[in-house]
Amino acid sequence: MRTLDEAQRRIEAYIQFYNQNRPHRKLNKLTPVYYRRQLAAWGLFSMSTE
């Protein structure tokens, strides 16, 4: 990494990957996005932002 901006972009990309695409052991090895969708399909989680 040569610049602070490049480092910041890489860190933000990793945070997004970690929070949205990486399977989590505590979520039964599902990604957080898939886990939320599964809960919403069962009526246990609302996908709305209200």
PDB file of N, CA and C in Angstrom:
ATOM      1  N   MET A   1       0.837  -1.166   0.000  1.00  0.00           N
ATOM      2  CA  MET A   1       0.000   0.000   0.000  1.00  0.00           C
ATOM      3  C   MET A   1       0.888   1.237   0.000  1.00  0.00           C
ATOM      4  N   ARG A   2       0.541   2.117  -0.870  1.00  0.00           N
ATOM      5  CA  ARG A   2       1.385   3.293  -0.995  1.00  0.00           C
ATOM      6  C   ARG A   2       0.788   4.545  -0.370  1.00  0.00           C
ATOM      7  N   THR A   3      -0.517   4.599  -0.271  1.00  0.00           N
ATOM      8  CA  THR A   3      -1.126   5.819   0.253  1.00  0.00           C
ATOM      9  C   THR A   3      -2.146   5.482   1.331  1.00  0.00           C
ATOM     10  N   LEU A   4      -2.464   6.495   2.102  1.00  0.00           N
ATOM     11  CA  LEU A   4      -3.482   6.345   3.127  1.00  0.00           C
ATOM     12  C   LEU A   4      -4.839   6.063   2.488  1.00  0.00           C
ATOM     13  N   ASP A   5      -5.137   6.702   1.358  1.00  0.00           N
ATOM     14  CA  ASP A   5      -6.401   6.461   0.660  1.00  0.00           C
ATOM     15  C   ASP A   5      -6.531   5.009   0.219  1.00  0.00           C
ATOM     16  N   GLU A   6      -5.451   4.440  -0.296  1.00  0.00           N
ATOM     17  CA  GLU A   6      -5.483   3.039  -0.723  1.00  0.00           C
ATOM     18  C   GLU A   6      -5.706   2.122   0.481  1.00  0.00           C
ATOM     19  N   ALA A   7      -5.047   2.413   1.571  1.00  0.00           N
ATOM     20  CA  ALA A   7      -5.225   1.609   2.784  1.00  0.00           C
ATOM     21  C   ALA A   7      -6.668   1.698   3.263  1.00  0.00           C
ATOM     22  N   GLN A   8      -7.236   2.902   3.248  1.00  0.00           N
ATOM     23  CA  GLN A   8      -8.614   3.079   3.686  1.00  0.00           C
ATOM     24  C   GLN A   8      -9.580   2.313   2.788  1.00  0.00           C
ATOM     25  N   ARG A   9      -9.373   2.340   1.480  1.00  0.00           N
ATOM     26  CA  ARG A   9     -10.230   1.594   0.548  1.00  0.00           C
ATOM     27  C   ARG A   9     -10.152   0.097   0.812  1.00  0.00           C
ATOM     28  N   ARG A  10      -8.959  -0.409   1.050  1.00  0.00           N
ATOM     29  CA  ARG A  10      -8.797  -1.842   1.322  1.00  0.00           C
ATOM     30  C   ARG A  10      -9.461  -2.246   2.631  1.00  0.00           C
ATOM     31  N   ILE A  11      -9.328  -1.411   3.632  1.00  0.00           N
ATOM     32  CA  ILE A  11      -9.952  -1.701   4.925  1.00  0.00           C
ATOM     33  C   ILE A  11     -11.467  -1.692   4.795  1.00  0.00           C
ATOM     34  N   GLU A  12     -12.014  -0.705   4.109  1.00  0.00           N
ATOM     35  CA  GLU A  12     -13.461  -0.636   3.912  1.00  0.00           C
ATOM     36  C   GLU A  12     -13.970  -1.825   3.110  1.00  0.00           C
ATOM     37  N   ALA A  13     -13.218  -2.249   2.098  1.00  0.00           N
ATOM     38  CA  ALA A  13     -13.610  -3.414   1.306  1.00  0.00           C
ATOM     39  C   ALA A  13     -13.617  -4.671   2.180  1.00  0.00           C
ATOM     40  N   TYR A  14     -12.622  -4.813   3.058  1.00  0.00           N
ATOM     41  CA  TYR A  14     -12.583  -5.980   3.931  1.00  0.00           C
ATOM     42  C   TYR A  14     -13.736  -5.955   4.937  1.00  0.00           C
ATOM     43  N   ILE A  15     -14.030  -4.796   5.483  1.00  0.00           N
ATOM     44  CA  ILE A  15     -15.142  -4.690   6.434  1.00  0.00           C
ATOM     45  C   ILE A  15     -16.448  -5.082   5.755  1.00  0.00           C
ATOM     46  N   GLN A  16     -16.645  -4.622   4.533  1.00  0.00           N
ATOM     47  CA  GLN A  16     -17.859  -4.994   3.795  1.00  0.00           C
ATOM     48  C   GLN A  16     -17.890  -6.504   3.547  1.00  0.00           C
ATOM     49  N   PHE A  17     -16.765  -7.070   3.131  1.00  0.00           N
ATOM     50  CA  PHE A  17     -16.683  -8.517   2.927  1.00  0.00           C
ATOM     51  C   PHE A  17     -16.999  -9.260   4.219  1.00  0.00           C
ATOM     52  N   TYR A  18     -16.390  -8.831   5.317  1.00  0.00           N
ATOM     53  CA  TYR A  18     -16.571  -9.511   6.595  1.00  0.00           C
ATOM     54  C   TYR A  18     -18.018  -9.452   7.057  1.00  0.00           C
ATOM     55  N   ASN A  19     -18.647  -8.297   6.923  1.00  0.00           N
ATOM     56  CA  ASN A  19     -19.999  -8.108   7.432  1.00  0.00           C
ATOM     57  C   ASN A  19     -21.089  -8.607   6.499  1.00  0.00           C
ATOM     58  N   GLN A  20     -20.780  -8.828   5.213  1.00  0.00           N
ATOM     59  CA  GLN A  20     -21.826  -9.197   4.274  1.00  0.00           C
ATOM     60  C   GLN A  20     -21.594 -10.523   3.563  1.00  0.00           C
ATOM     61  N   ASN A  21     -20.357 -10.890   3.302  1.00  0.00           N
ATOM     62  CA  ASN A  21     -20.103 -12.043   2.448  1.00  0.00           C
ATOM     63  C   ASN A  21     -19.399 -13.218   3.119  1.00  0.00           C
ATOM     64  N   ARG A  22     -18.744 -12.991   4.225  1.00  0.00           N
ATOM     65  CA  ARG A  22     -17.978 -14.046   4.883  1.00  0.00           C
ATOM     66  C   ARG A  22     -18.899 -14.902   5.741  1.00  0.00           C
ATOM     67  N   PRO A  23     -18.875 -16.217   5.579  1.00  0.00           N
ATOM     68  CA  PRO A  23     -19.668 -17.086   6.452  1.00  0.00           C
ATOM     69  C   PRO A  23     -19.193 -16.955   7.905  1.00  0.00           C
ATOM     70  N   HIS A  24     -20.139 -16.880   8.814  1.00  0.00           N
ATOM     71  CA  HIS A  24     -19.826 -16.750  10.240  1.00  0.00           C
ATOM     72  C   HIS A  24     -20.229 -18.024  10.962  1.00  0.00           C
ATOM     73  N   ARG A  25     -19.348 -18.504  11.796  1.00  0.00           N
ATOM     74  CA  ARG A  25     -19.597 -19.733  12.548  1.00  0.00           C
ATOM     75  C   ARG A  25     -20.844 -19.596  13.426  1.00  0.00           C
ATOM     76  N   LYS A  26     -21.014 -18.451  14.067  1.00  0.00           N
ATOM     77  CA  LYS A  26     -22.163 -18.247  14.957  1.00  0.00           C
ATOM     78  C   LYS A  26     -23.484 -18.192  14.204  1.00  0.00           C
ATOM     79  N   LEU A  27     -23.437 -17.986  12.905  1.00  0.00           N
ATOM     80  CA  LEU A  27     -24.654 -17.967  12.092  1.00  0.00           C
ATOM     81  C   LEU A  27     -24.812 -19.279  11.330  1.00  0.00           C
ATOM     82  N   ASN A  28     -24.269 -20.344  11.903  1.00  0.00           N
ATOM     83  CA  ASN A  28     -24.342 -21.666  11.290  1.00  0.00           C
ATOM     84  C   ASN A  28     -23.672 -21.675   9.917  1.00  0.00           C
ATOM     85  N   LYS A  29     -22.558 -20.963   9.828  1.00  0.00           N
ATOM     86  CA  LYS A  29     -21.729 -20.871   8.624  1.00  0.00           C
ATOM     87  C   LYS A  29     -22.454 -20.227   7.442  1.00  0.00           C
ATOM     88  N   LEU A  30     -23.412 -19.344   7.753  1.00  0.00           N
ATOM     89  CA  LEU A  30     -24.095 -18.571   6.725  1.00  0.00           C
ATOM     90  C   LEU A  30     -23.503 -17.164   6.692  1.00  0.00           C
ATOM     91  N   THR A  31     -23.646 -16.496   5.549  1.00  0.00           N
ATOM     92  CA  THR A  31     -23.252 -15.100   5.505  1.00  0.00           C
ATOM     93  C   THR A  31     -24.319 -14.286   6.230  1.00  0.00           C
ATOM     94  N   PRO A  32     -23.958 -13.144   6.795  1.00  0.00           N
ATOM     95  CA  PRO A  32     -24.960 -12.328   7.486  1.00  0.00           C
ATOM     96  C   PRO A  32     -26.132 -11.941   6.583  1.00  0.00           C
ATOM     97  N   VAL A  33     -25.861 -11.635   5.325  1.00  0.00           N
ATOM     98  CA  VAL A  33     -26.934 -11.266   4.398  1.00  0.00           C
ATOM     99  C   VAL A  33     -27.890 -12.442   4.204  1.00  0.00           C
ATOM    100  N   TYR A  34     -27.373 -13.635   3.979  1.00  0.00           N
ATOM    101  CA  TYR A  34     -28.225 -14.805   3.780  1.00  0.00           C
ATOM    102  C   TYR A  34     -28.984 -15.144   5.069  1.00  0.00           C
ATOM    103  N   TYR A  35     -28.326 -14.994   6.198  1.00  0.00           N
ATOM    104  CA  TYR A  35     -28.973 -15.268   7.483  1.00  0.00           C
ATOM    105  C   TYR A  35     -30.162 -14.345   7.690  1.00  0.00           C
ATOM    106  N   ARG A  36     -29.991 -13.030   7.430  1.00  0.00           N
ATOM    107  CA  ARG A  36     -31.098 -12.074   7.566  1.00  0.00           C
ATOM    108  C   ARG A  36     -32.227 -12.408   6.598  1.00  0.00           C
ATOM    109  N   ARG A  37     -31.883 -12.785   5.368  1.00  0.00           N
ATOM    110  CA  ARG A  37     -32.923 -13.149   4.397  1.00  0.00           C
ATOM    111  C   ARG A  37     -33.694 -14.376   4.859  1.00  0.00           C
ATOM    112  N   GLN A  38     -32.987 -15.328   5.433  1.00  0.00           N
ATOM    113  CA  GLN A  38     -33.631 -16.540   5.921  1.00  0.00           C
ATOM    114  C   GLN A  38     -34.583 -16.203   7.079  1.00  0.00           C
ATOM    115  N   LEU A  39     -34.146 -15.348   7.995  1.00  0.00           N
ATOM    116  CA  LEU A  39     -35.013 -14.940   9.100  1.00  0.00           C
ATOM    117  C   LEU A  39     -36.233 -14.188   8.584  1.00  0.00           C
ATOM    118  N   ALA A  40     -36.032 -13.335   7.595  1.00  0.00           N
ATOM    119  CA  ALA A  40     -37.159 -12.572   7.024  1.00  0.00           C
ATOM    120  C   ALA A  40     -38.160 -13.516   6.366  1.00  0.00           C
ATOM    121  N   ALA A  41     -37.672 -14.547   5.695  1.00  0.00           N
ATOM    122  CA  ALA A  41     -38.558 -15.510   5.044  1.00  0.00           C
ATOM    123  C   ALA A  41     -39.401 -16.257   6.090  1.00  0.00           C
ATOM    124  N   TRP A  42     -38.853 -16.442   7.267  1.00  0.00           N
ATOM    125  CA  TRP A  42     -39.577 -17.126   8.346  1.00  0.00           C
ATOM    126  C   TRP A  42     -40.437 -16.153   9.146  1.00  0.00           C
ATOM    127  N   GLY A  43     -40.358 -14.858   8.808  1.00  0.00           N
ATOM    128  CA  GLY A  43     -41.128 -13.850   9.524  1.00  0.00           C
ATOM    129  C   GLY A  43     -40.523 -13.437  10.844  1.00  0.00           C
ATOM    130  N   LEU A  44     -39.256 -13.736  11.043  1.00  0.00           N
ATOM    131  CA  LEU A  44     -38.598 -13.427  12.316  1.00  0.00           C
ATOM    132  C   LEU A  44     -37.768 -12.155  12.266  1.00  0.00           C
ATOM    133  N   PHE A  45     -37.640 -11.561  11.080  1.00  0.00           N
ATOM    134  CA  PHE A  45     -36.805 -10.380  10.912  1.00  0.00           C
ATOM    135  C   PHE A  45     -37.430  -9.513   9.835  1.00  0.00           C
ATOM    136  N   SER A  46     -37.549  -8.235  10.091  1.00  0.00           N
ATOM    137  CA  SER A  46     -38.115  -7.322   9.111  1.00  0.00           C
ATOM    138  C   SER A  46     -36.985  -6.698   8.291  1.00  0.00           C
ATOM    139  N   MET A  47     -37.072  -6.784   6.975  1.00  0.00           N
ATOM    140  CA  MET A  47     -36.061  -6.220   6.095  1.00  0.00           C
ATOM    141  C   MET A  47     -36.273  -4.723   5.875  1.00  0.00           C
ATOM    142  N   SER A  48     -37.390  -4.165   6.341  1.00  0.00           N
ATOM    143  CA  SER A  48     -37.657  -2.736   6.135  1.00  0.00           C
ATOM    144  C   SER A  48     -36.785  -1.905   7.060  1.00  0.00           C
ATOM    145  N   THR A  49     -36.629  -0.647   6.716  1.00  0.00           N
ATOM    146  CA  THR A  49     -35.808   0.254   7.528  1.00  0.00           C
ATOM    147  C   THR A  49     -36.669   1.141   8.400  1.00  0.00           C
ATOM    148  N   GLU A  50     -37.958   0.859   8.486  1.00  0.00           N
ATOM    149  CA  GLU A  50     -38.868   1.662   9.309  1.00  0.00           C
ATOM    150  C   GLU A  50     -38.699   1.360  10.766  1.00  0.00           C
TER     151      GLU A  50
END
